[in-house]
Amino acid sequence: MTTTESDRDPNPANRAVIAELRSNAGRVGGYFAHTPLLLLTTTGARTGIPRTRPLAYLLDTDRYVVVAANAGTPEHPAWYHNLVFQPEVVIEVGKTTSTATAVVLSGAERDALLRRFESTYPVTASYQAKTDRKIPVVALCPQRPTARCPGTPGTCHL
């Protein structure tokens, strides 16, 4: 994928990570060298402009799980609001780019995956401690038939 309007993140660190992930088949050095990262592109709820963000993820069989921690601030991150408004997203993992459906998880499934995320990325637990909001957990379901996402491409039934 080439640089687009979606890559014009105001955060220079995010822009650098996006460029590095794309030029190195999904790998980065530095602080995130040992953290699996994906690129999530959402459509702006207000603007309609595609926006790309690098996010840590967990692989849960055939879907990618991300958390909308926003470093423990009182507000959900913009990308979360965008995918709630428009759950059809694009994900880039390694050399693969796929469309996906974002599903906000709830109940025991959300809680179990958040605990797993916190175990893998302990800083996430500190984010929850900083805020009164319930940090959302989101499954990104690639749009191809799989055991947990059966059916025709473009659907995701979890």
N, C-alpha and C. Protein backbone atom coordinates (compact mmCIF):
# COMPACT_ATOMS: atom_id res chain seq x y z
N MET A 1 0.85 -1.18 0.00
CA MET A 1 0.00 0.00 0.00
C MET A 1 0.89 1.23 0.00
N THR A 2 0.49 2.22 -0.71
CA THR A 2 1.28 3.43 -0.82
C THR A 2 0.81 4.46 0.19
N THR A 3 1.61 5.51 0.37
CA THR A 3 1.23 6.59 1.27
C THR A 3 0.01 7.30 0.69
N THR A 4 -0.98 7.52 1.55
CA THR A 4 -2.22 8.16 1.13
C THR A 4 -2.62 9.18 2.18
N GLU A 5 -3.76 9.82 1.94
CA GLU A 5 -4.32 10.76 2.92
C GLU A 5 -4.42 10.10 4.29
N SER A 6 -4.72 8.79 4.32
CA SER A 6 -4.91 8.09 5.59
C SER A 6 -3.64 8.04 6.42
N ASP A 7 -2.49 8.21 5.78
CA ASP A 7 -1.22 8.13 6.49
C ASP A 7 -0.78 9.48 7.06
N ARG A 8 -1.55 10.50 6.84
CA ARG A 8 -1.18 11.83 7.32
C ARG A 8 -1.61 12.00 8.77
N ASP A 9 -1.16 11.08 9.59
CA ASP A 9 -1.44 11.10 11.02
C ASP A 9 -0.72 12.29 11.63
N PRO A 10 -1.37 13.05 12.50
CA PRO A 10 -0.68 14.18 13.13
C PRO A 10 0.45 13.73 14.05
N ASN A 11 0.45 12.47 14.42
CA ASN A 11 1.49 11.94 15.30
C ASN A 11 2.65 11.42 14.45
N PRO A 12 3.82 12.10 14.50
CA PRO A 12 4.95 11.65 13.66
C PRO A 12 5.42 10.24 13.99
N ALA A 13 5.28 9.82 15.24
CA ALA A 13 5.68 8.46 15.61
C ALA A 13 4.81 7.44 14.90
N ASN A 14 3.50 7.68 14.83
CA ASN A 14 2.61 6.78 14.11
C ASN A 14 2.96 6.74 12.62
N ARG A 15 3.23 7.89 12.03
CA ARG A 15 3.60 7.93 10.60
C ARG A 15 4.85 7.10 10.36
N ALA A 16 5.83 7.20 11.26
CA ALA A 16 7.08 6.45 11.11
C ALA A 16 6.83 4.95 11.22
N VAL A 17 6.00 4.54 12.18
CA VAL A 17 5.69 3.11 12.36
C VAL A 17 4.94 2.59 11.14
N ILE A 18 3.99 3.35 10.63
CA ILE A 18 3.25 2.93 9.44
C ILE A 18 4.21 2.71 8.27
N ALA A 19 5.08 3.66 8.04
CA ALA A 19 6.04 3.54 6.93
C ALA A 19 6.98 2.35 7.14
N GLU A 20 7.45 2.17 8.36
CA GLU A 20 8.37 1.06 8.64
C GLU A 20 7.68 -0.29 8.48
N LEU A 21 6.46 -0.42 8.97
CA LEU A 21 5.72 -1.68 8.80
C LEU A 21 5.55 -2.02 7.33
N ARG A 22 5.18 -1.04 6.55
CA ARG A 22 4.95 -1.30 5.13
C ARG A 22 6.22 -1.60 4.36
N SER A 23 7.31 -0.98 4.74
CA SER A 23 8.55 -1.21 4.00
C SER A 23 9.30 -2.45 4.47
N ASN A 24 8.92 -3.02 5.61
CA ASN A 24 9.63 -4.18 6.16
C ASN A 24 8.72 -5.39 6.38
N ALA A 25 7.72 -5.54 5.54
CA ALA A 25 6.83 -6.71 5.58
C ALA A 25 6.22 -6.92 6.97
N GLY A 26 5.82 -5.82 7.61
CA GLY A 26 5.14 -5.94 8.89
C GLY A 26 6.03 -5.99 10.11
N ARG A 27 7.30 -5.72 9.96
CA ARG A 27 8.22 -5.74 11.11
C ARG A 27 8.73 -4.33 11.37
N VAL A 28 8.95 -4.05 12.67
CA VAL A 28 9.53 -2.78 13.07
C VAL A 28 10.62 -3.04 14.09
N GLY A 29 11.47 -2.06 14.27
CA GLY A 29 12.50 -2.14 15.29
C GLY A 29 12.13 -1.26 16.47
N GLY A 30 13.10 -0.99 17.30
CA GLY A 30 12.88 -0.08 18.42
C GLY A 30 11.93 -0.62 19.46
N TYR A 31 11.15 0.28 20.04
CA TYR A 31 10.25 -0.04 21.14
C TYR A 31 9.28 -1.18 20.80
N PHE A 32 8.83 -1.25 19.56
CA PHE A 32 7.83 -2.24 19.16
C PHE A 32 8.43 -3.47 18.47
N ALA A 33 9.73 -3.65 18.58
CA ALA A 33 10.40 -4.73 17.85
C ALA A 33 9.83 -6.11 18.17
N HIS A 34 9.37 -6.32 19.38
CA HIS A 34 8.86 -7.65 19.78
C HIS A 34 7.34 -7.65 19.96
N THR A 35 6.69 -6.65 19.42
CA THR A 35 5.23 -6.54 19.53
C THR A 35 4.61 -6.72 18.16
N PRO A 36 3.73 -7.71 18.02
CA PRO A 36 3.04 -7.84 16.73
C PRO A 36 2.13 -6.63 16.52
N LEU A 37 2.29 -6.00 15.37
CA LEU A 37 1.49 -4.83 15.04
C LEU A 37 0.75 -5.06 13.73
N LEU A 38 -0.44 -4.50 13.65
CA LEU A 38 -1.16 -4.46 12.39
C LEU A 38 -1.50 -3.01 12.10
N LEU A 39 -1.85 -2.76 10.87
CA LEU A 39 -2.33 -1.44 10.49
C LEU A 39 -3.83 -1.55 10.29
N LEU A 40 -4.57 -0.70 10.98
CA LEU A 40 -6.02 -0.65 10.88
C LEU A 40 -6.40 0.63 10.16
N THR A 41 -7.13 0.49 9.07
CA THR A 41 -7.63 1.67 8.36
C THR A 41 -9.14 1.70 8.51
N THR A 42 -9.61 2.78 9.13
CA THR A 42 -11.03 3.02 9.32
C THR A 42 -11.44 4.20 8.45
N THR A 43 -12.73 4.38 8.29
CA THR A 43 -13.26 5.54 7.58
C THR A 43 -13.75 6.54 8.61
N GLY A 44 -13.27 7.77 8.51
CA GLY A 44 -13.66 8.80 9.47
C GLY A 44 -15.16 8.97 9.54
N ALA A 45 -15.72 8.89 10.75
CA ALA A 45 -17.17 9.02 10.94
C ALA A 45 -17.66 10.40 10.53
N ARG A 46 -16.89 11.42 10.78
CA ARG A 46 -17.30 12.79 10.44
C ARG A 46 -16.81 13.20 9.06
N THR A 47 -15.60 12.77 8.70
CA THR A 47 -14.97 13.28 7.48
C THR A 47 -15.10 12.36 6.27
N GLY A 48 -15.27 11.06 6.52
CA GLY A 48 -15.27 10.10 5.42
C GLY A 48 -13.88 9.79 4.89
N ILE A 49 -12.85 10.35 5.53
CA ILE A 49 -11.46 10.15 5.09
C ILE A 49 -10.90 8.89 5.73
N PRO A 50 -10.25 8.03 4.95
CA PRO A 50 -9.61 6.84 5.54
C PRO A 50 -8.48 7.26 6.49
N ARG A 51 -8.41 6.61 7.62
CA ARG A 51 -7.38 6.89 8.63
C ARG A 51 -6.73 5.58 9.03
N THR A 52 -5.40 5.56 9.06
CA THR A 52 -4.65 4.36 9.38
C THR A 52 -3.93 4.53 10.71
N ARG A 53 -4.00 3.49 11.55
CA ARG A 53 -3.33 3.50 12.85
C ARG A 53 -2.62 2.17 13.06
N PRO A 54 -1.42 2.20 13.61
CA PRO A 54 -0.76 0.96 14.00
C PRO A 54 -1.29 0.53 15.37
N LEU A 55 -1.58 -0.76 15.51
CA LEU A 55 -2.10 -1.29 16.77
C LEU A 55 -1.47 -2.63 17.10
N ALA A 56 -1.22 -2.85 18.38
CA ALA A 56 -0.83 -4.19 18.85
C ALA A 56 -2.07 -5.08 18.74
N TYR A 57 -1.84 -6.36 18.51
CA TYR A 57 -2.97 -7.27 18.39
C TYR A 57 -2.64 -8.64 18.97
N LEU A 58 -3.69 -9.39 19.22
CA LEU A 58 -3.60 -10.81 19.53
C LEU A 58 -4.28 -11.56 18.39
N LEU A 59 -3.71 -12.68 18.02
CA LEU A 59 -4.37 -13.54 17.05
C LEU A 59 -5.25 -14.51 17.85
N ASP A 60 -6.53 -14.53 17.54
CA ASP A 60 -7.47 -15.42 18.20
C ASP A 60 -8.04 -16.34 17.13
N THR A 61 -7.34 -17.42 16.89
CA THR A 61 -7.63 -18.39 15.84
C THR A 61 -7.63 -17.72 14.47
N ASP A 62 -8.77 -17.21 14.03
CA ASP A 62 -8.87 -16.67 12.68
C ASP A 62 -9.30 -15.21 12.66
N ARG A 63 -9.10 -14.54 13.76
CA ARG A 63 -9.43 -13.11 13.84
C ARG A 63 -8.36 -12.40 14.67
N TYR A 64 -8.29 -11.11 14.48
CA TYR A 64 -7.32 -10.28 15.19
C TYR A 64 -8.06 -9.49 16.26
N VAL A 65 -7.50 -9.45 17.46
CA VAL A 65 -8.13 -8.76 18.57
C VAL A 65 -7.29 -7.56 18.95
N VAL A 66 -7.94 -6.39 19.04
CA VAL A 66 -7.29 -5.15 19.45
C VAL A 66 -8.11 -4.54 20.59
N VAL A 67 -7.45 -3.67 21.34
CA VAL A 67 -8.17 -2.98 22.42
C VAL A 67 -8.09 -1.47 22.19
N ALA A 68 -9.17 -0.78 22.54
CA ALA A 68 -9.26 0.67 22.36
C ALA A 68 -8.88 1.36 23.66
N ALA A 69 -7.63 1.14 24.09
CA ALA A 69 -7.16 1.64 25.38
C ALA A 69 -6.92 3.14 25.38
N ASN A 70 -6.41 3.67 24.29
CA ASN A 70 -6.07 5.10 24.19
C ASN A 70 -5.22 5.55 25.37
N ALA A 71 -4.29 4.68 25.77
CA ALA A 71 -3.34 4.95 26.86
C ALA A 71 -4.03 5.34 28.16
N GLY A 72 -5.29 4.91 28.33
CA GLY A 72 -5.99 5.17 29.58
C GLY A 72 -6.61 6.54 29.69
N THR A 73 -6.71 7.26 28.58
CA THR A 73 -7.36 8.58 28.63
C THR A 73 -8.87 8.39 28.83
N PRO A 74 -9.57 9.46 29.21
CA PRO A 74 -11.01 9.32 29.44
C PRO A 74 -11.84 9.05 28.18
N GLU A 75 -11.28 9.32 26.99
CA GLU A 75 -12.03 9.15 25.74
C GLU A 75 -11.55 7.91 24.98
N HIS A 76 -12.50 7.31 24.27
CA HIS A 76 -12.13 6.24 23.34
C HIS A 76 -11.30 6.86 22.21
N PRO A 77 -10.40 6.08 21.61
CA PRO A 77 -9.63 6.61 20.47
C PRO A 77 -10.55 6.85 19.27
N ALA A 78 -10.15 7.78 18.41
CA ALA A 78 -10.95 8.11 17.22
C ALA A 78 -11.19 6.89 16.35
N TRP A 79 -10.19 6.02 16.22
CA TRP A 79 -10.37 4.85 15.36
C TRP A 79 -11.52 3.97 15.85
N TYR A 80 -11.72 3.92 17.17
CA TYR A 80 -12.83 3.13 17.72
C TYR A 80 -14.18 3.73 17.30
N HIS A 81 -14.32 5.04 17.47
CA HIS A 81 -15.56 5.70 17.04
C HIS A 81 -15.81 5.46 15.55
N ASN A 82 -14.74 5.52 14.77
CA ASN A 82 -14.87 5.31 13.32
C ASN A 82 -15.37 3.91 13.00
N LEU A 83 -14.85 2.87 13.65
CA LEU A 83 -15.27 1.52 13.31
C LEU A 83 -16.63 1.17 13.87
N VAL A 84 -17.04 1.85 14.94
CA VAL A 84 -18.42 1.66 15.41
C VAL A 84 -19.39 2.24 14.37
N PHE A 85 -19.02 3.40 13.82
CA PHE A 85 -19.83 4.05 12.79
C PHE A 85 -19.84 3.24 11.51
N GLN A 86 -18.67 2.72 11.11
CA GLN A 86 -18.51 1.95 9.87
C GLN A 86 -17.62 0.75 10.18
N PRO A 87 -18.21 -0.42 10.47
CA PRO A 87 -17.41 -1.58 10.88
C PRO A 87 -16.61 -2.26 9.77
N GLU A 88 -16.82 -1.87 8.52
CA GLU A 88 -16.01 -2.43 7.43
C GLU A 88 -14.69 -1.67 7.41
N VAL A 89 -13.59 -2.38 7.63
CA VAL A 89 -12.27 -1.78 7.77
C VAL A 89 -11.28 -2.50 6.87
N VAL A 90 -10.07 -1.98 6.82
CA VAL A 90 -8.97 -2.65 6.12
C VAL A 90 -7.88 -2.90 7.15
N ILE A 91 -7.33 -4.11 7.12
CA ILE A 91 -6.21 -4.44 8.00
C ILE A 91 -5.03 -4.88 7.15
N GLU A 92 -3.85 -4.50 7.63
CA GLU A 92 -2.61 -4.93 7.01
C GLU A 92 -1.81 -5.66 8.08
N VAL A 93 -1.55 -6.93 7.82
CA VAL A 93 -0.77 -7.75 8.75
C VAL A 93 0.35 -8.39 7.94
N GLY A 94 1.59 -8.03 8.29
CA GLY A 94 2.71 -8.51 7.49
C GLY A 94 2.58 -7.99 6.07
N LYS A 95 2.61 -8.91 5.10
CA LYS A 95 2.49 -8.53 3.69
C LYS A 95 1.06 -8.61 3.18
N THR A 96 0.12 -8.97 4.06
CA THR A 96 -1.26 -9.21 3.64
C THR A 96 -2.17 -8.05 4.00
N THR A 97 -2.93 -7.60 3.02
CA THR A 97 -3.95 -6.58 3.22
C THR A 97 -5.30 -7.22 2.98
N SER A 98 -6.23 -7.03 3.93
CA SER A 98 -7.55 -7.64 3.84
C SER A 98 -8.61 -6.65 4.28
N THR A 99 -9.80 -6.80 3.71
CA THR A 99 -10.94 -6.12 4.30
C THR A 99 -11.40 -6.97 5.47
N ALA A 100 -11.99 -6.32 6.45
CA ALA A 100 -12.43 -7.04 7.65
C ALA A 100 -13.66 -6.35 8.21
N THR A 101 -14.37 -7.09 9.04
CA THR A 101 -15.49 -6.53 9.78
C THR A 101 -15.08 -6.43 11.23
N ALA A 102 -15.27 -5.25 11.81
CA ALA A 102 -14.95 -5.02 13.23
C ALA A 102 -16.18 -5.34 14.07
N VAL A 103 -15.97 -6.14 15.11
CA VAL A 103 -17.05 -6.52 16.01
C VAL A 103 -16.61 -6.16 17.43
N VAL A 104 -17.37 -5.27 18.08
CA VAL A 104 -17.08 -4.92 19.46
C VAL A 104 -17.57 -6.06 20.34
N LEU A 105 -16.66 -6.62 21.14
CA LEU A 105 -16.99 -7.78 21.97
C LEU A 105 -17.59 -7.35 23.29
N SER A 106 -18.33 -8.26 23.90
CA SER A 106 -18.96 -7.95 25.18
C SER A 106 -18.97 -9.20 26.06
N GLY A 107 -19.37 -8.99 27.31
CA GLY A 107 -19.57 -10.10 28.22
C GLY A 107 -18.31 -10.89 28.52
N ALA A 108 -18.51 -12.18 28.73
CA ALA A 108 -17.40 -13.07 29.12
C ALA A 108 -16.32 -13.14 28.04
N GLU A 109 -16.73 -13.09 26.77
CA GLU A 109 -15.74 -13.15 25.69
C GLU A 109 -14.83 -11.92 25.74
N ARG A 110 -15.42 -10.75 25.91
CA ARG A 110 -14.64 -9.52 26.03
C ARG A 110 -13.70 -9.60 27.22
N ASP A 111 -14.23 -9.99 28.36
CA ASP A 111 -13.43 -10.05 29.58
C ASP A 111 -12.25 -11.02 29.45
N ALA A 112 -12.51 -12.20 28.88
CA ALA A 112 -11.45 -13.20 28.73
C ALA A 112 -10.35 -12.71 27.78
N LEU A 113 -10.75 -12.08 26.67
CA LEU A 113 -9.75 -11.60 25.73
C LEU A 113 -9.00 -10.38 26.27
N LEU A 114 -9.66 -9.54 27.06
CA LEU A 114 -8.95 -8.43 27.69
C LEU A 114 -7.91 -8.97 28.67
N ARG A 115 -8.27 -9.98 29.47
CA ARG A 115 -7.28 -10.58 30.39
C ARG A 115 -6.10 -11.16 29.62
N ARG A 116 -6.38 -11.82 28.51
CA ARG A 116 -5.30 -12.38 27.68
C ARG A 116 -4.44 -11.26 27.10
N PHE A 117 -5.07 -10.18 26.67
CA PHE A 117 -4.34 -9.03 26.13
C PHE A 117 -3.45 -8.44 27.22
N GLU A 118 -4.00 -8.25 28.41
CA GLU A 118 -3.24 -7.68 29.53
C GLU A 118 -2.08 -8.60 29.93
N SER A 119 -2.28 -9.90 29.83
CA SER A 119 -1.21 -10.84 30.14
C SER A 119 -0.08 -10.74 29.11
N THR A 120 -0.45 -10.56 27.85
CA THR A 120 0.54 -10.44 26.78
C THR A 120 1.19 -9.07 26.77
N TYR A 121 0.38 -8.03 27.00
CA TYR A 121 0.85 -6.63 26.99
C TYR A 121 0.48 -6.00 28.33
N PRO A 122 1.30 -6.20 29.38
CA PRO A 122 0.94 -5.75 30.73
C PRO A 122 0.62 -4.27 30.86
N VAL A 123 1.16 -3.43 29.99
CA VAL A 123 0.87 -2.00 30.07
C VAL A 123 -0.63 -1.74 29.91
N THR A 124 -1.35 -2.63 29.23
CA THR A 124 -2.79 -2.46 29.03
C THR A 124 -3.53 -2.41 30.37
N ALA A 125 -3.11 -3.21 31.33
CA ALA A 125 -3.76 -3.20 32.64
C ALA A 125 -3.59 -1.84 33.31
N SER A 126 -2.45 -1.22 33.12
CA SER A 126 -2.24 0.10 33.72
C SER A 126 -3.14 1.15 33.05
N TYR A 127 -3.45 0.96 31.78
CA TYR A 127 -4.36 1.89 31.10
C TYR A 127 -5.75 1.82 31.70
N GLN A 128 -6.24 0.60 31.95
CA GLN A 128 -7.57 0.46 32.53
C GLN A 128 -7.62 1.10 33.92
N ALA A 129 -6.52 1.00 34.66
CA ALA A 129 -6.46 1.58 36.00
C ALA A 129 -6.52 3.11 35.97
N LYS A 130 -6.15 3.71 34.84
CA LYS A 130 -6.13 5.18 34.72
C LYS A 130 -7.48 5.79 34.38
N THR A 131 -8.44 4.97 33.94
CA THR A 131 -9.68 5.52 33.41
C THR A 131 -10.90 4.85 34.02
N ASP A 132 -12.00 5.58 34.05
CA ASP A 132 -13.26 5.02 34.53
C ASP A 132 -14.05 4.34 33.41
N ARG A 133 -13.65 4.59 32.16
CA ARG A 133 -14.39 3.98 31.05
C ARG A 133 -13.99 2.51 30.90
N LYS A 134 -14.90 1.73 30.40
CA LYS A 134 -14.62 0.32 30.12
C LYS A 134 -13.91 0.26 28.78
N ILE A 135 -12.67 -0.22 28.78
CA ILE A 135 -11.89 -0.26 27.54
C ILE A 135 -12.49 -1.31 26.59
N PRO A 136 -12.87 -0.86 25.40
CA PRO A 136 -13.46 -1.79 24.43
C PRO A 136 -12.43 -2.79 23.87
N VAL A 137 -12.92 -3.98 23.61
CA VAL A 137 -12.14 -5.03 22.95
C VAL A 137 -12.85 -5.31 21.63
N VAL A 138 -12.07 -5.33 20.55
CA VAL A 138 -12.63 -5.43 19.21
C VAL A 138 -12.00 -6.60 18.47
N ALA A 139 -12.85 -7.42 17.86
CA ALA A 139 -12.37 -8.50 16.98
C ALA A 139 -12.44 -7.98 15.54
N LEU A 140 -11.35 -8.16 14.82
CA LEU A 140 -11.28 -7.81 13.40
C LEU A 140 -11.34 -9.12 12.63
N CYS A 141 -12.43 -9.32 11.95
CA CYS A 141 -12.70 -10.58 11.27
C CYS A 141 -12.45 -10.42 9.77
N PRO A 142 -11.35 -11.01 9.27
CA PRO A 142 -11.09 -10.91 7.83
C PRO A 142 -12.27 -11.46 7.03
N GLN A 143 -12.56 -10.81 5.94
CA GLN A 143 -13.73 -11.17 5.16
C GLN A 143 -13.43 -12.31 4.20
N ARG A 144 -13.31 -13.47 4.78
CA ARG A 144 -13.21 -14.71 4.02
C ARG A 144 -13.83 -15.78 4.91
N PRO A 145 -14.44 -16.78 4.36
CA PRO A 145 -15.06 -17.79 5.19
C PRO A 145 -14.03 -18.53 6.06
N THR A 146 -14.31 -18.60 7.35
CA THR A 146 -13.49 -19.37 8.29
C THR A 146 -14.43 -20.01 9.30
N ALA A 147 -13.90 -20.80 10.20
CA ALA A 147 -14.73 -21.47 11.19
C ALA A 147 -15.55 -20.49 12.02
N ARG A 148 -14.94 -19.37 12.43
CA ARG A 148 -15.66 -18.41 13.27
C ARG A 148 -16.33 -17.32 12.46
N CYS A 149 -16.00 -17.22 11.19
CA CYS A 149 -16.59 -16.20 10.33
C CYS A 149 -17.09 -16.87 9.06
N PRO A 150 -18.13 -17.75 9.18
CA PRO A 150 -18.61 -18.47 8.01
C PRO A 150 -19.43 -17.58 7.10
N GLY A 151 -19.71 -18.08 5.94
CA GLY A 151 -20.57 -17.35 5.02
C GLY A 151 -19.81 -16.77 3.87
N THR A 152 -20.45 -15.86 3.21
CA THR A 152 -19.86 -15.27 2.03
C THR A 152 -18.89 -14.17 2.42
N PRO A 153 -17.90 -13.88 1.58
CA PRO A 153 -17.02 -12.76 1.86
C PRO A 153 -17.85 -11.50 2.09
N GLY A 154 -17.44 -10.72 3.07
CA GLY A 154 -18.18 -9.51 3.41
C GLY A 154 -19.08 -9.68 4.60
N THR A 155 -19.13 -10.90 5.15
CA THR A 155 -19.95 -11.12 6.34
C THR A 155 -19.06 -11.66 7.45
N CYS A 156 -19.46 -11.42 8.64
CA CYS A 156 -18.72 -11.95 9.80
C CYS A 156 -19.73 -12.28 10.87
N HIS A 157 -19.86 -13.54 11.19
CA HIS A 157 -20.81 -13.99 12.20
C HIS A 157 -20.02 -14.60 13.35
N LEU A 158 -19.85 -13.86 14.41
CA LEU A 158 -19.08 -14.38 15.55
C LEU A 158 -20.00 -14.96 16.58
